[in-house]
Each structure stands twice: as structure tokens, then as C-alpha cells.
Amino acid sequence: MHTPVAVEHGANLKQYNTFGLPSAAQALVRITSESDVRRVVDDPALGRAPKFILGGGSNLVLTQDVQACVLKVEVMGRRLLETRDDAWIIEAGAGESWHGTVEWALDNGLPGLENMALIPGTVGAAPVQNIGAYGIELKDRLESLDAVDLITGRTVTLHGDQCAFGYRDSIFKQHLAGKSVITRVRLRLPRPWQPVLGYLELERKVLETGITAPDARQIFDWICTIRRAKLPDPAVVGNAGSFFKNPVVTPEQCRDIISRDPEIVHYPMPDGSFKLAAGWMIDACGWKGKSIGRAGVYEKQALVLVNRGGASGAEVVTLARAIQESVYGRFGIRLEPEPVVV
């Protein structure tokens, strides 16, 4: 006999998205293991229903109720899987907090994730978005992951080179979007550990403190301080972190923009292109601190949109579109949102 699937009908999703936007799920199922996914796939009604995968809800703008079966990923557990000459391999359940996993690794003498401290969301969402900060992206640390196919119920293992990683992009946002659920992630932490300090704000910390050879814990502390100074805590002010991707342009486009706006913050990329600071452009268009309805632009960081209290998803989207039009009008660049809009 099959164990019946525990379904929550009309589940309130406001508490499950960091923007704190109102929405209800037609049906919600909590996923704590691969077998939970298989039970959903095998269920006569749920198996055929459209699926919506929910992790920490930190990369989500809900504009309506979700007319799908929401799979709330709550697979837990962390462990050191293997110690190699050149790396530690750690494994974490997809439902674990990403930042909590960075802390857990450091507490267990396993450095290498500290540059990605305080990124909101879950471990399972990290590969989907190819999260990154301060010189490191998830793709630089992914060993492999397990995902359950939502058609067959089979578990597949994908290695880093099979995930089609790009800037805030992966196979899970493209070919496998909505088709599989990540359940476990294995991360490769290089040995011997080397600090990654090639970022302006970290270089400033080295100069300010005089600590020229910081250890992993020191870098973790610096990054937490930097992020807290410019990013609001979602538990206090609803937000989804950085709302827009930093646009990548050709050298010719970059030169053209610099000729008009010499102050624009830009970074050279390994392939010869340039990444422009979206937050700088939004600020230059005068949006910092402004609001439309109950959705606003954070006073300390123009890249972050916030819920000023009781905002709807529609207000957030209206604000985002107004910002996009402003930036396009001035710079000829179309900003692309990071969060998924539902």
C-alpha cells in the first residue's frame, strides 16, 4: 500500500516568500526526501498537475495565487562526505539554509564558501540561480547534485559541467525548468584553502584593518558586515535581495556609456566583456528611496526593492518596470530582473 500524500489546500504562501507578498497555493506538499517526490509523481491527481518548486522563497515575486501543486523542499542534513588531497567534499540537503551551511562548514574547519555568506535562500536553490558574490559563484564549488525527475520519479545525479551554468543561470532555469526537484547538493572546497580577495570592498577591508592575510572566518565576518550595511534583513523588511542582474556589455558599449557617464561603475570580465553595476545606474536615475504604492527602492542600496508594508506583487512589478524604463531611457540598457515573477 502506498502512503497517501499529505496535501495542504489553500496554503498561505506569505510566510514562505521573503518579500512577504500575499498568495495562496492551490495545493502544497512538503518534500523531505526523494520518496516524497516519487509519491507525488505516482499520485493520480497530483502527478498530472503542474508543479511549482519552492525553496526559501528568496528569489520570488508572487503576483497572484499559485494554481499548481507547490513542492516545498525541506530535505535536511549536512555532512562531510570525503576528504581528498585537493578538496573536501561536503553534502547538504536541498532544504538547508544556504548561509547556515556556510557557517556550518566554517565551524567544522571547512573553508571555501565564506565569500558567499549571507546570500538568502536554500542549498537546493543555489545551483538553480548559480548564486555568487565577492568573486565566487556556485559553479566554482559544485561537485554534483541529486535531482528527482517529475515525470519518471527517478533520481539523477548531475555534475557541475552538466548544469549549463551561466551568470545567475543554469539548466534548471532553462531545459529542466519545473521538470525536476533538486534534493541534495555536494560541494567541493579546494585544499589548500586560498583566500579570494579581488573585490574592491574586500581590498578596502584589508587596508582599513591592516590584516593582509585574513583567514576564512575573517573574510566571512567582513562579508557579513558589508552585506548587512547595504542589504535589509528580510525578517525586518520584505525583499528578495538584488532585484536586477548586473548587465554584461561589449567593450564598445562600455566605451560608449563611459563617454557619456564617466563615473559609471564597471568591471572587466575574463572574456573581454564588461559588467556594469545595475545599482549605480538605478541610483543615477534618481530611484534610491523612491516608492510606487507600498513597494520601494531601498535607501542604502538601489539594487534592492522592498515591501514597505502590505505591498502586493503587482506593485513590485510596476516599480520594477518603471525602473527598467528609466535606465533604458538614459543608458540604452535593458535591466533583467533576478527573481522569478509568478
Protein backbone atom coordinates (compact mmCIF):
# COMPACT_ATOMS: atom_id res chain seq x y z
CA MET A 1 0.00 0.00 0.00
CA HIS A 2 1.20 3.48 -0.88
CA THR A 3 1.43 6.08 1.88
CA PRO A 4 -1.01 8.88 0.93
CA VAL A 5 0.48 12.26 0.08
CA ALA A 6 -0.14 14.91 2.77
CA VAL A 7 -1.58 17.89 0.88
CA GLU A 8 -2.27 21.35 2.34
CA HIS A 9 -5.04 23.01 0.30
CA GLY A 10 -5.17 26.81 0.07
CA ALA A 11 -1.84 27.12 1.93
CA ASN A 12 -0.82 30.71 2.74
CA LEU A 13 2.49 31.46 0.96
CA LYS A 14 3.08 34.89 2.53
CA GLN A 15 5.33 33.37 5.20
CA TYR A 16 7.23 31.37 2.55
CA ASN A 17 8.46 34.27 0.40
CA THR A 18 10.97 36.79 1.75
CA PHE A 19 9.15 39.70 0.06
CA GLY A 20 6.17 38.87 2.29
CA LEU A 21 3.76 39.10 -0.65
CA PRO A 22 0.21 37.70 -0.32
CA SER A 23 -0.51 34.48 -2.21
CA ALA A 24 -2.13 31.09 -1.66
CA ALA A 25 -1.24 27.70 -3.10
CA GLN A 26 -3.97 25.53 -4.58
CA ALA A 27 -2.07 22.58 -3.06
CA LEU A 28 1.18 22.38 -1.09
CA VAL A 29 3.22 19.24 -0.40
CA ARG A 30 6.27 19.22 1.88
CA ILE A 31 9.23 17.32 0.37
CA THR A 32 11.56 15.85 3.00
CA SER A 33 13.06 13.03 0.89
CA GLU A 34 13.30 11.62 -2.63
CA SER A 35 10.46 9.21 -1.80
CA ASP A 36 8.13 12.16 -1.11
CA VAL A 37 8.71 13.36 -4.69
CA ARG A 38 8.04 9.87 -6.03
CA ARG A 39 4.76 9.72 -4.09
CA VAL A 40 3.67 12.99 -5.74
CA VAL A 41 4.65 11.68 -9.19
CA ASP A 42 2.71 8.44 -8.59
CA ASP A 43 -0.40 10.18 -7.21
CA PRO A 44 -3.28 10.00 -9.75
CA ALA A 45 -4.25 13.68 -9.32
CA LEU A 46 -1.00 15.38 -8.24
CA GLY A 47 1.15 13.51 -10.77
CA ARG A 48 -0.62 15.19 -13.68
CA ALA A 49 -0.94 18.62 -12.05
CA PRO A 50 1.52 21.41 -12.92
CA LYS A 51 4.29 21.73 -10.28
CA PHE A 52 5.88 24.75 -8.65
CA ILE A 53 9.11 24.19 -6.70
CA LEU A 54 9.58 26.35 -3.61
CA GLY A 55 12.79 26.62 -1.59
CA GLY A 56 13.41 29.60 0.69
CA GLY A 57 11.24 31.93 -1.42
CA SER A 58 14.05 34.50 -1.50
CA ASN A 59 14.08 34.82 -5.28
CA LEU A 60 10.37 35.11 -5.87
CA VAL A 61 7.77 37.79 -6.65
CA LEU A 62 4.25 36.40 -6.18
CA THR A 63 1.67 38.46 -8.08
CA GLN A 64 -1.24 36.01 -7.75
CA ASP A 65 -2.33 32.72 -6.18
CA VAL A 66 -0.37 29.70 -7.41
CA GLN A 67 -2.62 27.39 -9.43
CA ALA A 68 -0.20 24.48 -9.22
CA CYS A 69 0.98 21.85 -6.79
CA VAL A 70 3.66 23.64 -4.75
CA LEU A 71 6.51 21.33 -3.74
CA LYS A 72 8.04 22.91 -0.64
CA VAL A 73 11.57 21.45 -0.44
CA GLU A 74 12.53 20.60 3.16
CA VAL A 75 15.24 17.93 2.68
CA MET A 76 17.64 18.42 5.60
CA GLY A 77 21.04 17.17 6.77
CA ARG A 78 24.70 18.14 6.33
CA ARG A 79 27.85 16.02 6.39
CA LEU A 80 31.48 15.85 5.35
CA LEU A 81 31.38 13.21 2.65
CA GLU A 82 35.04 12.87 1.70
CA THR A 83 38.46 14.34 2.41
CA ARG A 84 40.71 14.28 -0.67
CA ASP A 85 44.24 15.57 -1.10
CA ASP A 86 42.93 18.50 -3.15
CA ALA A 87 39.46 19.10 -1.66
CA TRP A 88 36.85 18.48 1.00
CA ILE A 89 33.51 17.24 -0.36
CA ILE A 90 30.50 18.20 1.73
CA GLU A 91 26.86 17.30 1.18
CA ALA A 92 23.76 19.23 2.25
CA GLY A 93 20.05 18.63 1.90
CA ALA A 94 18.30 20.99 -0.52
CA GLY A 95 16.10 22.39 2.27
CA GLU A 96 19.01 23.57 4.41
CA SER A 97 19.66 27.32 4.68
CA TRP A 98 22.50 28.39 2.37
CA HIS A 99 24.00 30.82 4.88
CA GLY A 100 23.58 28.24 7.65
CA THR A 101 25.56 25.79 5.53
CA VAL A 102 28.37 28.33 5.00
CA GLU A 103 28.51 28.79 8.80
CA TRP A 104 28.34 25.03 9.44
CA ALA A 105 31.25 24.44 7.05
CA LEU A 106 33.42 27.08 8.76
CA ASP A 107 32.51 25.76 12.22
CA ASN A 108 33.75 22.35 11.08
CA GLY A 109 37.05 23.65 9.70
CA LEU A 110 35.88 23.50 6.07
CA PRO A 111 36.58 26.89 4.43
CA GLY A 112 35.83 27.88 0.86
CA LEU A 113 32.26 29.20 0.90
CA GLU A 114 32.84 32.31 3.05
CA ASN A 115 32.61 34.78 0.12
CA MET A 116 29.01 33.65 -0.37
CA ALA A 117 27.97 34.30 3.26
CA LEU A 118 24.53 35.82 3.92
CA ILE A 119 23.12 35.00 0.49
CA PRO A 120 19.47 34.23 1.32
CA GLY A 121 17.70 31.06 0.27
CA THR A 122 18.24 27.32 0.44
CA VAL A 123 21.01 24.99 -0.68
CA GLY A 124 18.74 23.49 -3.34
CA ALA A 125 18.06 26.88 -4.90
CA ALA A 126 21.77 27.78 -5.07
CA PRO A 127 22.53 25.79 -8.27
CA VAL A 128 19.29 26.92 -9.95
CA GLN A 129 20.35 30.56 -9.68
CA ASN A 130 24.12 29.88 -9.80
CA ILE A 131 24.39 32.21 -6.81
CA GLY A 132 27.57 34.19 -6.40
CA ALA A 133 29.18 37.05 -4.52
CA TYR A 134 32.57 38.68 -3.99
CA GLY A 135 34.44 36.72 -6.63
CA ILE A 136 32.97 33.21 -6.21
CA GLU A 137 29.99 31.56 -7.90
CA LEU A 138 28.26 28.31 -7.00
CA LYS A 139 29.62 26.75 -10.22
CA ASP A 140 33.15 27.17 -8.80
CA ARG A 141 32.25 24.94 -5.84
CA LEU A 142 29.67 22.43 -7.15
CA GLU A 143 30.82 18.81 -7.20
CA SER A 144 27.45 17.22 -8.07
CA LEU A 145 23.77 17.21 -7.11
CA ASP A 146 20.85 14.81 -6.99
CA ALA A 147 17.51 15.70 -8.57
CA VAL A 148 14.28 13.74 -8.95
CA ASP A 149 12.61 13.75 -12.37
CA LEU A 150 8.98 14.95 -12.05
CA ILE A 151 7.79 12.69 -14.89
CA THR A 152 9.52 9.39 -14.11
CA GLY A 153 10.24 9.81 -10.37
CA ARG A 154 13.82 8.67 -10.99
CA THR A 155 16.76 10.26 -9.17
CA VAL A 156 19.52 11.55 -11.44
CA THR A 157 22.96 12.84 -10.46
CA LEU A 158 24.35 15.83 -12.35
CA HIS A 159 27.94 17.06 -12.16
CA GLY A 160 28.90 20.70 -12.47
CA ASP A 161 29.71 20.52 -16.19
CA GLN A 162 26.20 19.15 -16.89
CA CYS A 163 24.39 22.09 -15.26
CA ALA A 164 24.88 24.66 -18.09
CA PHE A 165 25.87 27.36 -15.60
CA GLY A 166 25.84 31.00 -16.68
CA TYR A 167 25.53 34.33 -14.89
CA ARG A 168 22.59 33.72 -12.48
CA ASP A 169 21.56 30.92 -14.81
CA SER A 170 21.58 27.13 -15.10
CA ILE A 171 19.90 24.18 -16.82
CA PHE A 172 17.26 24.35 -14.03
CA LYS A 173 16.08 27.74 -15.34
CA GLN A 174 16.19 26.52 -18.94
CA HIS A 175 15.76 22.93 -20.19
CA LEU A 176 14.91 21.45 -16.76
CA ALA A 177 12.72 24.35 -15.51
CA GLY A 178 9.88 22.82 -13.49
CA LYS A 179 10.86 19.31 -14.59
CA SER A 180 12.97 18.14 -11.64
CA VAL A 181 13.44 18.76 -7.93
CA ILE A 182 16.96 19.13 -6.51
CA THR A 183 17.18 17.12 -3.27
CA ARG A 184 20.88 17.04 -2.32
CA VAL A 185 23.92 19.12 -3.25
CA ARG A 186 27.59 18.21 -2.92
CA LEU A 187 30.16 20.99 -2.75
CA ARG A 188 33.88 20.82 -3.47
CA LEU A 189 36.02 23.02 -1.19
CA PRO A 190 39.57 23.26 -2.56
CA ARG A 191 42.59 22.30 -0.45
CA PRO A 192 44.80 24.01 0.45
CA TRP A 193 42.40 26.90 1.08
CA GLN A 194 43.22 30.17 -0.71
CA PRO A 195 41.54 33.50 0.13
CA VAL A 196 39.58 35.23 -2.66
CA LEU A 197 40.09 38.95 -2.08
CA GLY A 198 39.96 40.50 -5.55
CA TYR A 199 36.93 42.67 -4.84
CA LEU A 200 37.07 46.39 -4.10
CA GLU A 201 35.13 46.19 -0.81
CA LEU A 202 37.35 43.37 0.46
CA GLU A 203 40.51 45.22 -0.59
CA ARG A 204 39.19 48.19 1.43
CA LYS A 205 38.76 45.94 4.48
CA VAL A 206 42.38 44.76 4.15
CA LEU A 207 43.56 48.40 4.07
CA GLU A 208 41.26 49.50 6.92
CA THR A 209 42.23 46.66 9.27
CA GLY A 210 45.84 46.09 8.23
CA ILE A 211 45.04 42.34 8.09
CA THR A 212 46.83 41.36 4.88
CA ALA A 213 46.44 37.60 5.29
CA PRO A 214 42.88 37.12 6.60
CA ASP A 215 41.67 33.62 7.40
CA ALA A 216 38.32 32.28 6.17
CA ARG A 217 36.47 33.33 9.34
CA GLN A 218 37.78 36.89 9.00
CA ILE A 219 36.59 37.06 5.37
CA PHE A 220 33.21 35.65 6.46
CA ASP A 221 32.91 38.37 9.12
CA TRP A 222 33.89 41.11 6.66
CA ILE A 223 31.34 39.96 4.09
CA CYS A 224 28.58 39.75 6.71
CA THR A 225 29.41 43.31 7.79
CA ILE A 226 29.48 44.60 4.18
CA ARG A 227 26.20 42.90 3.24
CA ARG A 228 24.36 43.94 6.41
CA ALA A 229 25.40 47.56 5.85
CA LYS A 230 23.70 47.72 2.46
CA LEU A 231 21.09 44.93 2.37
CA PRO A 232 17.95 44.84 4.54
CA ASP A 233 17.16 41.77 6.66
CA PRO A 234 14.10 40.07 5.05
CA ALA A 235 12.83 39.25 8.56
CA VAL A 236 12.51 43.02 9.15
CA VAL A 237 11.90 44.49 5.66
CA GLY A 238 10.44 42.26 2.94
CA ASN A 239 12.78 41.95 -0.05
CA ALA A 240 14.34 39.46 -2.47
CA GLY A 241 17.93 40.71 -2.32
CA SER A 242 19.39 42.12 -5.54
CA PHE A 243 16.40 42.61 -7.84
CA PHE A 244 18.25 43.15 -11.13
CA LYS A 245 21.19 41.38 -12.74
CA ASN A 246 24.30 43.45 -13.44
CA PRO A 247 24.22 43.80 -17.24
CA VAL A 248 27.14 42.49 -19.29
CA VAL A 249 28.08 44.58 -22.34
CA THR A 250 30.65 44.60 -25.13
CA PRO A 251 33.80 46.78 -24.84
CA GLU A 252 32.27 49.09 -27.48
CA GLN A 253 29.04 49.53 -25.49
CA CYS A 254 31.05 50.14 -22.33
CA ARG A 255 33.20 52.81 -24.01
CA ASP A 256 30.07 54.49 -25.37
CA ILE A 257 28.43 54.64 -21.91
CA ILE A 258 31.67 55.84 -20.23
CA SER A 259 31.93 58.65 -22.77
CA ARG A 260 28.51 59.86 -21.59
CA ASP A 261 28.76 58.84 -17.92
CA PRO A 262 32.46 58.65 -16.90
CA GLU A 263 31.53 57.77 -13.30
CA ILE A 264 29.73 54.51 -14.14
CA VAL A 265 30.95 51.55 -12.08
CA HIS A 266 32.14 48.74 -14.38
CA TYR A 267 34.21 45.57 -14.08
CA PRO A 268 36.21 43.78 -16.80
CA MET A 269 35.24 40.14 -17.35
CA PRO A 270 37.61 37.29 -18.33
CA ASP A 271 36.10 37.07 -21.85
CA GLY A 272 36.78 40.77 -22.58
CA SER A 273 33.22 41.97 -21.91
CA PHE A 274 32.31 44.37 -19.08
CA LYS A 275 29.84 44.04 -16.23
CA LEU A 276 28.05 47.27 -15.32
CA ALA A 277 26.76 47.99 -11.80
CA ALA A 278 22.96 47.98 -12.11
CA GLY A 279 22.60 49.59 -8.66
CA TRP A 280 24.74 52.55 -9.76
CA MET A 281 22.59 53.08 -12.86
CA ILE A 282 19.33 52.90 -10.86
CA ASP A 283 20.74 55.39 -8.33
CA ALA A 284 21.90 57.68 -11.17
CA CYS A 285 18.29 57.72 -12.43
CA GLY A 286 17.18 59.02 -9.02
CA TRP A 287 15.29 55.96 -7.76
CA LYS A 288 17.03 55.35 -4.42
CA GLY A 289 14.46 55.71 -1.61
CA LYS A 290 11.53 56.25 -4.01
CA SER A 291 8.28 54.24 -3.92
CA ILE A 292 5.35 53.27 -6.07
CA GLY A 293 2.45 52.35 -3.82
CA ARG A 294 3.80 50.25 -0.97
CA ALA A 295 6.82 48.95 -2.93
CA GLY A 296 10.02 50.95 -2.77
CA VAL A 297 13.73 51.16 -3.58
CA TYR A 298 15.91 50.58 -0.53
CA GLU A 299 17.56 53.75 0.79
CA LYS A 300 21.01 52.17 1.22
CA GLN A 301 21.20 50.09 -1.99
CA ALA A 302 19.31 50.94 -5.16
CA LEU A 303 19.58 47.34 -6.43
CA VAL A 304 17.16 46.16 -3.72
CA LEU A 305 13.40 46.60 -3.95
CA VAL A 306 11.49 46.38 -0.66
CA ASN A 307 8.00 45.83 0.71
CA ARG A 308 7.25 48.94 2.77
CA GLY A 309 4.35 47.09 4.43
CA GLY A 310 1.38 45.42 2.79
CA ALA A 311 2.71 45.65 -0.78
CA SER A 312 1.25 43.47 -3.49
CA GLY A 313 3.24 41.63 -6.14
CA ALA A 314 1.65 43.91 -8.75
CA GLU A 315 3.12 46.99 -7.02
CA VAL A 316 6.59 45.42 -7.00
CA VAL A 317 6.32 44.60 -10.72
CA THR A 318 5.05 48.13 -11.54
CA LEU A 319 8.02 49.64 -9.69
CA ALA A 320 10.49 47.27 -11.40
CA ARG A 321 9.13 48.17 -14.85
CA ALA A 322 9.33 51.90 -14.14
CA ILE A 323 13.00 51.47 -13.14
CA GLN A 324 13.71 49.44 -16.29
CA GLU A 325 12.21 52.20 -18.46
CA SER A 326 14.27 54.89 -16.67
CA VAL A 327 17.54 53.01 -17.05
CA TYR A 328 16.82 52.15 -20.69
CA GLY A 329 15.97 55.77 -21.44
CA ARG A 330 19.24 57.05 -20.00
CA PHE A 331 21.74 54.28 -20.73
CA GLY A 332 20.17 52.23 -23.52
CA ILE A 333 20.49 49.14 -21.30
CA ARG A 334 17.53 46.87 -20.51
CA LEU A 335 17.87 45.59 -16.92
CA GLU A 336 16.85 41.98 -16.36
CA PRO A 337 15.17 41.00 -13.08
CA GLU A 338 16.82 38.28 -10.96
CA PRO A 339 13.72 36.96 -9.14
CA VAL A 340 11.12 34.70 -10.72
CA VAL A 341 7.83 36.57 -11.20
CA VAL A 342 4.78 34.34 -10.79
